[in-house]
Each structure stands twice: as C-alpha cells, then as structure tokens.
C-alpha atoms as a PDB file:
ATOM      1  CA  MET A   1     -95.976 113.454 179.386  1.00  0.00           C
ATOM      2  CA  LYS A   2     -97.148 110.072 178.076  1.00  0.00           C
ATOM      3  CA  ARG A   3     -97.620 111.524 174.587  1.00  0.00           C
ATOM      4  CA  LEU A   4     -94.126 113.007 174.615  1.00  0.00           C
ATOM      5  CA  THR A   5     -92.593 109.717 175.722  1.00  0.00           C
ATOM      6  CA  LEU A   6     -94.568 107.784 173.128  1.00  0.00           C
ATOM      7  CA  SER A   7     -93.554 110.265 170.404  1.00  0.00           C
ATOM      8  CA  LEU A   8     -89.877 110.009 171.328  1.00  0.00           C
ATOM      9  CA  LEU A   9     -89.995 106.212 171.378  1.00  0.00           C
ATOM     10  CA  SER A  10     -91.668 106.202 167.965  1.00  0.00           C
ATOM     11  CA  LEU A  11     -88.996 108.490 166.524  1.00  0.00           C
ATOM     12  CA  VAL A  12     -86.200 106.332 167.934  1.00  0.00           C
ATOM     13  CA  ALA A  13     -87.789 103.166 166.514  1.00  0.00           C
ATOM     14  CA  LEU A  14     -88.187 104.825 163.122  1.00  0.00           C
ATOM     15  CA  ALA A  15     -84.587 106.028 163.110  1.00  0.00           C
ATOM     16  CA  LEU A  16     -83.277 102.594 164.064  1.00  0.00           C
ATOM     17  CA  SER A  17     -85.288 100.851 161.359  1.00  0.00           C
ATOM     18  CA  ALA A  18     -84.083 103.339 158.730  1.00  0.00           C
ATOM     19  CA  THR A  19     -80.480 102.818 159.818  1.00  0.00           C
ATOM     20  CA  ALA A  20     -80.852  99.042 159.703  1.00  0.00           C
ATOM     21  CA  GLN A  21     -82.427  99.177 156.251  1.00  0.00           C
ATOM     22  CA  GLU A  22     -79.658 101.462 154.946  1.00  0.00           C
ATOM     23  CA  SER A  23     -76.889  99.175 156.200  1.00  0.00           C
ATOM     24  CA  THR A  24     -78.617  96.165 154.622  1.00  0.00           C
ATOM     25  CA  THR A  25     -78.929  97.980 151.286  1.00  0.00           C
ATOM     26  CA  ASN A  26     -75.296  99.093 151.340  1.00  0.00           C
ATOM     27  CA  SER A  27     -73.998  95.612 152.108  1.00  0.00           C
ATOM     28  CA  LYS A  28     -75.828  94.093 149.112  1.00  0.00           C
ATOM     29  CA  THR A  29     -74.122  96.239 146.470  1.00  0.00           C
ATOM     30  CA  ALA A  30     -70.605  97.286 147.179  1.00  0.00           C
ATOM     31  CA  ALA A  31     -69.612 100.219 144.992  1.00  0.00           C
ATOM     32  CA  ASP A  32     -66.565  99.494 142.904  1.00  0.00           C
ATOM     33  CA  ASN A  33     -65.662 102.090 140.331  1.00  0.00           C
ATOM     34  CA  THR A  34     -61.929 101.434 140.468  1.00  0.00           C
ATOM     35  CA  GLY A  35     -61.743 100.970 136.708  1.00  0.00           C
ATOM     36  CA  ARG A  36     -63.359 104.335 136.052  1.00  0.00           C
ATOM     37  CA  ASN A  37     -61.101 106.047 138.567  1.00  0.00           C
ATOM     38  CA  GLU A  38     -58.012 104.570 136.913  1.00  0.00           C
ATOM     39  CA  ARG A  39     -59.287 105.793 133.536  1.00  0.00           C
ATOM     40  CA  ASP A  40     -59.607 109.324 134.921  1.00  0.00           C
ATOM     41  CA  ARG A  41     -56.131 109.222 136.483  1.00  0.00           C
ATOM     42  CA  SER A  42     -54.509 108.119 133.229  1.00  0.00           C
ATOM     43  CA  GLY A  43     -54.775 111.629 131.778  1.00  0.00           C
ATOM     44  CA  GLU A  44     -56.448 110.368 128.593  1.00  0.00           C
ATOM     45  CA  SER A  45     -59.954 111.402 129.711  1.00  0.00           C
ATOM     46  CA  LYS A  46     -61.177 114.919 130.398  1.00  0.00           C
ATOM     47  CA  THR A  47     -61.927 115.682 134.045  1.00  0.00           C
ATOM     48  CA  SER A  48     -63.242 118.804 135.750  1.00  0.00           C
ATOM     49  CA  GLY A  49     -59.625 119.882 136.244  1.00  0.00           C
ATOM     50  CA  ASP A  50     -59.367 120.304 132.468  1.00  0.00           C
ATOM     51  CA  GLN A  51     -62.005 123.066 132.419  1.00  0.00           C
ATOM     52  CA  SER A  52     -60.583 126.137 130.698  1.00  0.00           C
ATOM     53  CA  GLU A  53     -60.352 129.426 132.588  1.00  0.00           C
ATOM     54  CA  SER A  54     -61.245 131.519 129.518  1.00  0.00           C
ATOM     55  CA  SER A  55     -64.408 133.553 129.996  1.00  0.00           C
ATOM     56  CA  GLU A  56     -65.944 132.211 126.774  1.00  0.00           C
ATOM     57  CA  ASP A  57     -65.458 128.562 127.832  1.00  0.00           C
ATOM     58  CA  ILE A  58     -66.795 129.261 131.319  1.00  0.00           C
ATOM     59  CA  LYS A  59     -69.891 130.979 129.857  1.00  0.00           C
ATOM     60  CA  THR A  60     -70.458 128.017 127.531  1.00  0.00           C
ATOM     61  CA  THR A  61     -70.206 125.515 130.385  1.00  0.00           C
ATOM     62  CA  ALA A  62     -72.524 127.600 132.568  1.00  0.00           C
ATOM     63  CA  ALA A  63     -75.145 127.931 129.807  1.00  0.00           C
ATOM     64  CA  ILE A  64     -75.177 124.180 129.188  1.00  0.00           C
ATOM     65  CA  ARG A  65     -75.293 123.419 132.933  1.00  0.00           C
ATOM     66  CA  ARG A  66     -78.269 125.772 133.398  1.00  0.00           C
ATOM     67  CA  ALA A  67     -80.107 124.091 130.526  1.00  0.00           C
ATOM     68  CA  VAL A  68     -79.432 120.583 131.862  1.00  0.00           C
ATOM     69  CA  VAL A  69     -80.351 121.393 135.454  1.00  0.00           C
ATOM     70  CA  GLY A  70     -83.456 123.282 134.334  1.00  0.00           C
ATOM     71  CA  ASP A  71     -84.823 120.368 132.313  1.00  0.00           C
ATOM     72  CA  GLY A  72     -87.438 118.626 134.448  1.00  0.00           C
ATOM     73  CA  SER A  73     -87.438 115.480 132.305  1.00  0.00           C
ATOM     74  CA  LEU A  74     -83.876 114.528 133.308  1.00  0.00           C
ATOM     75  CA  SER A  75     -83.011 112.381 136.316  1.00  0.00           C
ATOM     76  CA  MET A  76     -80.711 113.630 139.067  1.00  0.00           C
ATOM     77  CA  THR A  77     -78.037 111.290 137.694  1.00  0.00           C
ATOM     78  CA  ALA A  78     -78.274 112.990 134.301  1.00  0.00           C
ATOM     79  CA  LYS A  79     -78.178 116.453 135.858  1.00  0.00           C
ATOM     80  CA  ASN A  80     -74.862 115.567 137.507  1.00  0.00           C
ATOM     81  CA  VAL A  81     -72.879 114.761 134.357  1.00  0.00           C
ATOM     82  CA  LYS A  82     -69.541 116.464 133.848  1.00  0.00           C
ATOM     83  CA  ILE A  83     -69.578 119.359 131.390  1.00  0.00           C
ATOM     84  CA  ILE A  84     -66.033 120.387 130.541  1.00  0.00           C
ATOM     85  CA  THR A  85     -65.235 123.123 128.029  1.00  0.00           C
ATOM     86  CA  ALA A  86     -61.688 123.743 126.881  1.00  0.00           C
ATOM     87  CA  ASN A  87     -60.544 125.606 123.764  1.00  0.00           C
ATOM     88  CA  GLY A  88     -64.019 125.642 122.272  1.00  0.00           C
ATOM     89  CA  ILE A  89     -64.617 121.907 122.711  1.00  0.00           C
ATOM     90  CA  VAL A  90     -67.355 120.743 125.102  1.00  0.00           C
ATOM     91  CA  THR A  91     -66.896 117.270 126.589  1.00  0.00           C
ATOM     92  CA  LEU A  92     -69.892 115.573 128.192  1.00  0.00           C
ATOM     93  CA  ARG A  93     -68.951 112.736 130.567  1.00  0.00           C
ATOM     94  CA  GLY A  94     -70.647 110.592 133.156  1.00  0.00           C
ATOM     95  CA  PRO A  95     -73.497 108.142 133.590  1.00  0.00           C
ATOM     96  CA  VAL A  96     -77.106 108.660 132.508  1.00  0.00           C
ATOM     97  CA  ASN A  97     -80.076 106.356 133.041  1.00  0.00           C
ATOM     98  CA  SER A  98     -81.169 105.962 129.421  1.00  0.00           C
ATOM     99  CA  ALA A  99     -80.314 106.588 125.796  1.00  0.00           C
ATOM    100  CA  ALA A 100     -83.071 109.220 125.762  1.00  0.00           C
ATOM    101  CA  GLU A 101     -81.284 111.176 128.520  1.00  0.00           C
ATOM    102  CA  LYS A 102     -77.994 110.898 126.627  1.00  0.00           C
ATOM    103  CA  THR A 103     -79.664 112.300 123.512  1.00  0.00           C
ATOM    104  CA  LYS A 104     -81.472 115.050 125.425  1.00  0.00           C
ATOM    105  CA  ILE A 105     -78.265 116.268 127.116  1.00  0.00           C
ATOM    106  CA  ALA A 106     -76.443 116.270 123.776  1.00  0.00           C
ATOM    107  CA  GLU A 107     -79.266 118.344 122.244  1.00  0.00           C
ATOM    108  CA  LEU A 108     -79.198 120.817 125.135  1.00  0.00           C
ATOM    109  CA  ALA A 109     -75.424 121.107 124.855  1.00  0.00           C
ATOM    110  CA  LYS A 110     -75.579 121.695 121.101  1.00  0.00           C
ATOM    111  CA  LYS A 111     -78.294 124.327 121.523  1.00  0.00           C
ATOM    112  CA  ASN A 112     -76.371 126.233 124.220  1.00  0.00           C
ATOM    113  CA  ALA A 113     -72.762 125.747 123.072  1.00  0.00           C
ATOM    114  CA  GLY A 114     -72.725 128.331 120.313  1.00  0.00           C
ATOM    115  CA  LYS A 115     -69.912 127.451 117.906  1.00  0.00           C
ATOM    116  CA  ALA A 116     -68.250 124.954 120.264  1.00  0.00           C
ATOM    117  CA  LYS A 117     -67.792 121.354 119.153  1.00  0.00           C
ATOM    118  CA  ILE A 118     -69.529 118.691 121.316  1.00  0.00           C
ATOM    119  CA  GLU A 119     -67.815 115.443 122.339  1.00  0.00           C
ATOM    120  CA  ASN A 120     -70.463 113.170 123.827  1.00  0.00           C
ATOM    121  CA  GLN A 121     -68.822 110.604 126.124  1.00  0.00           C
ATOM    122  CA  LEU A 122     -71.906 109.967 128.245  1.00  0.00           C
ATOM    123  CA  ASP A 123     -72.429 106.358 129.389  1.00  0.00           C
ATOM    124  CA  VAL A 124     -75.860 104.778 129.617  1.00  0.00           C
ATOM    125  CA  LYS A 125     -76.081 102.791 132.855  1.00  0.00           C
ATOM    126  CA  ALA A 126     -76.751  99.104 132.439  1.00  0.00           C
ATOM    127  CA  ALA A 127     -80.239  98.061 133.547  1.00  0.00           C
ATOM    128  CA  LYS A 128     -80.282  96.257 136.889  1.00  0.00           C
END
C-alpha cells in the first residue's frame, strides 16, 4: 500500500512539474503567424485547397510525400511542408530548419515529380 501511494504521489508531482514547465515555455514565446495567415488568405499563394483532383496530380503529390516522409535525414518540420500539385506544377511551401533541408526536399520532389515543374517556395527558419 505504501509503495502504491508513493508511486501515485510521484506521478502527480511529475505531471505537475511538466505542466508548469510547459506553461512557462509557452508564455515566453507567443506564436504570431498573422502575417503568414493573411498571405494565405489573399489567394496569391497556393494552399492545400488548391490541390488538383486529377489522378496524375494526386499520384505526383503522393510520390513526393512518400519520399519526403521516408527520408530519415529530414526534421519533422521539413516532413510537414505543403506539397501542392495542380495542372502539372508542384508547389512546395512551408518552413524548414536549414538550407540543406530545402535543397533535399527540392531534389526529392524533382526526382519523384516526373515531368511536373517544381516551384520551391520553402522558407528556411531564422536561427534562434
């Protein structure tokens, strides 16, 4: 019984400290991507809603996505970029952690896009 009580108290203390640390971290850097959201709403930038429904464009997007997700050298941020194919044009958008990741994703897209043209609009995150 004492072990169970001690275990439960330890878990509660751990959970509370994790919660406190998370709230401290979140209060230090408030996310503000209003400018990017306005850019996407303007209609000038490609968004996931612009993905074509043609089977060829969907296959192209899927092939590039598989290649990006399957590459172990890329960060999770890089694996989450937008890949939008419409009318044979592949648009790559979103943040990546380095110029090397930007180049790697462009190479993977080119390799898997067939005859599609690649528009690389990936943004390298600024170092903190």
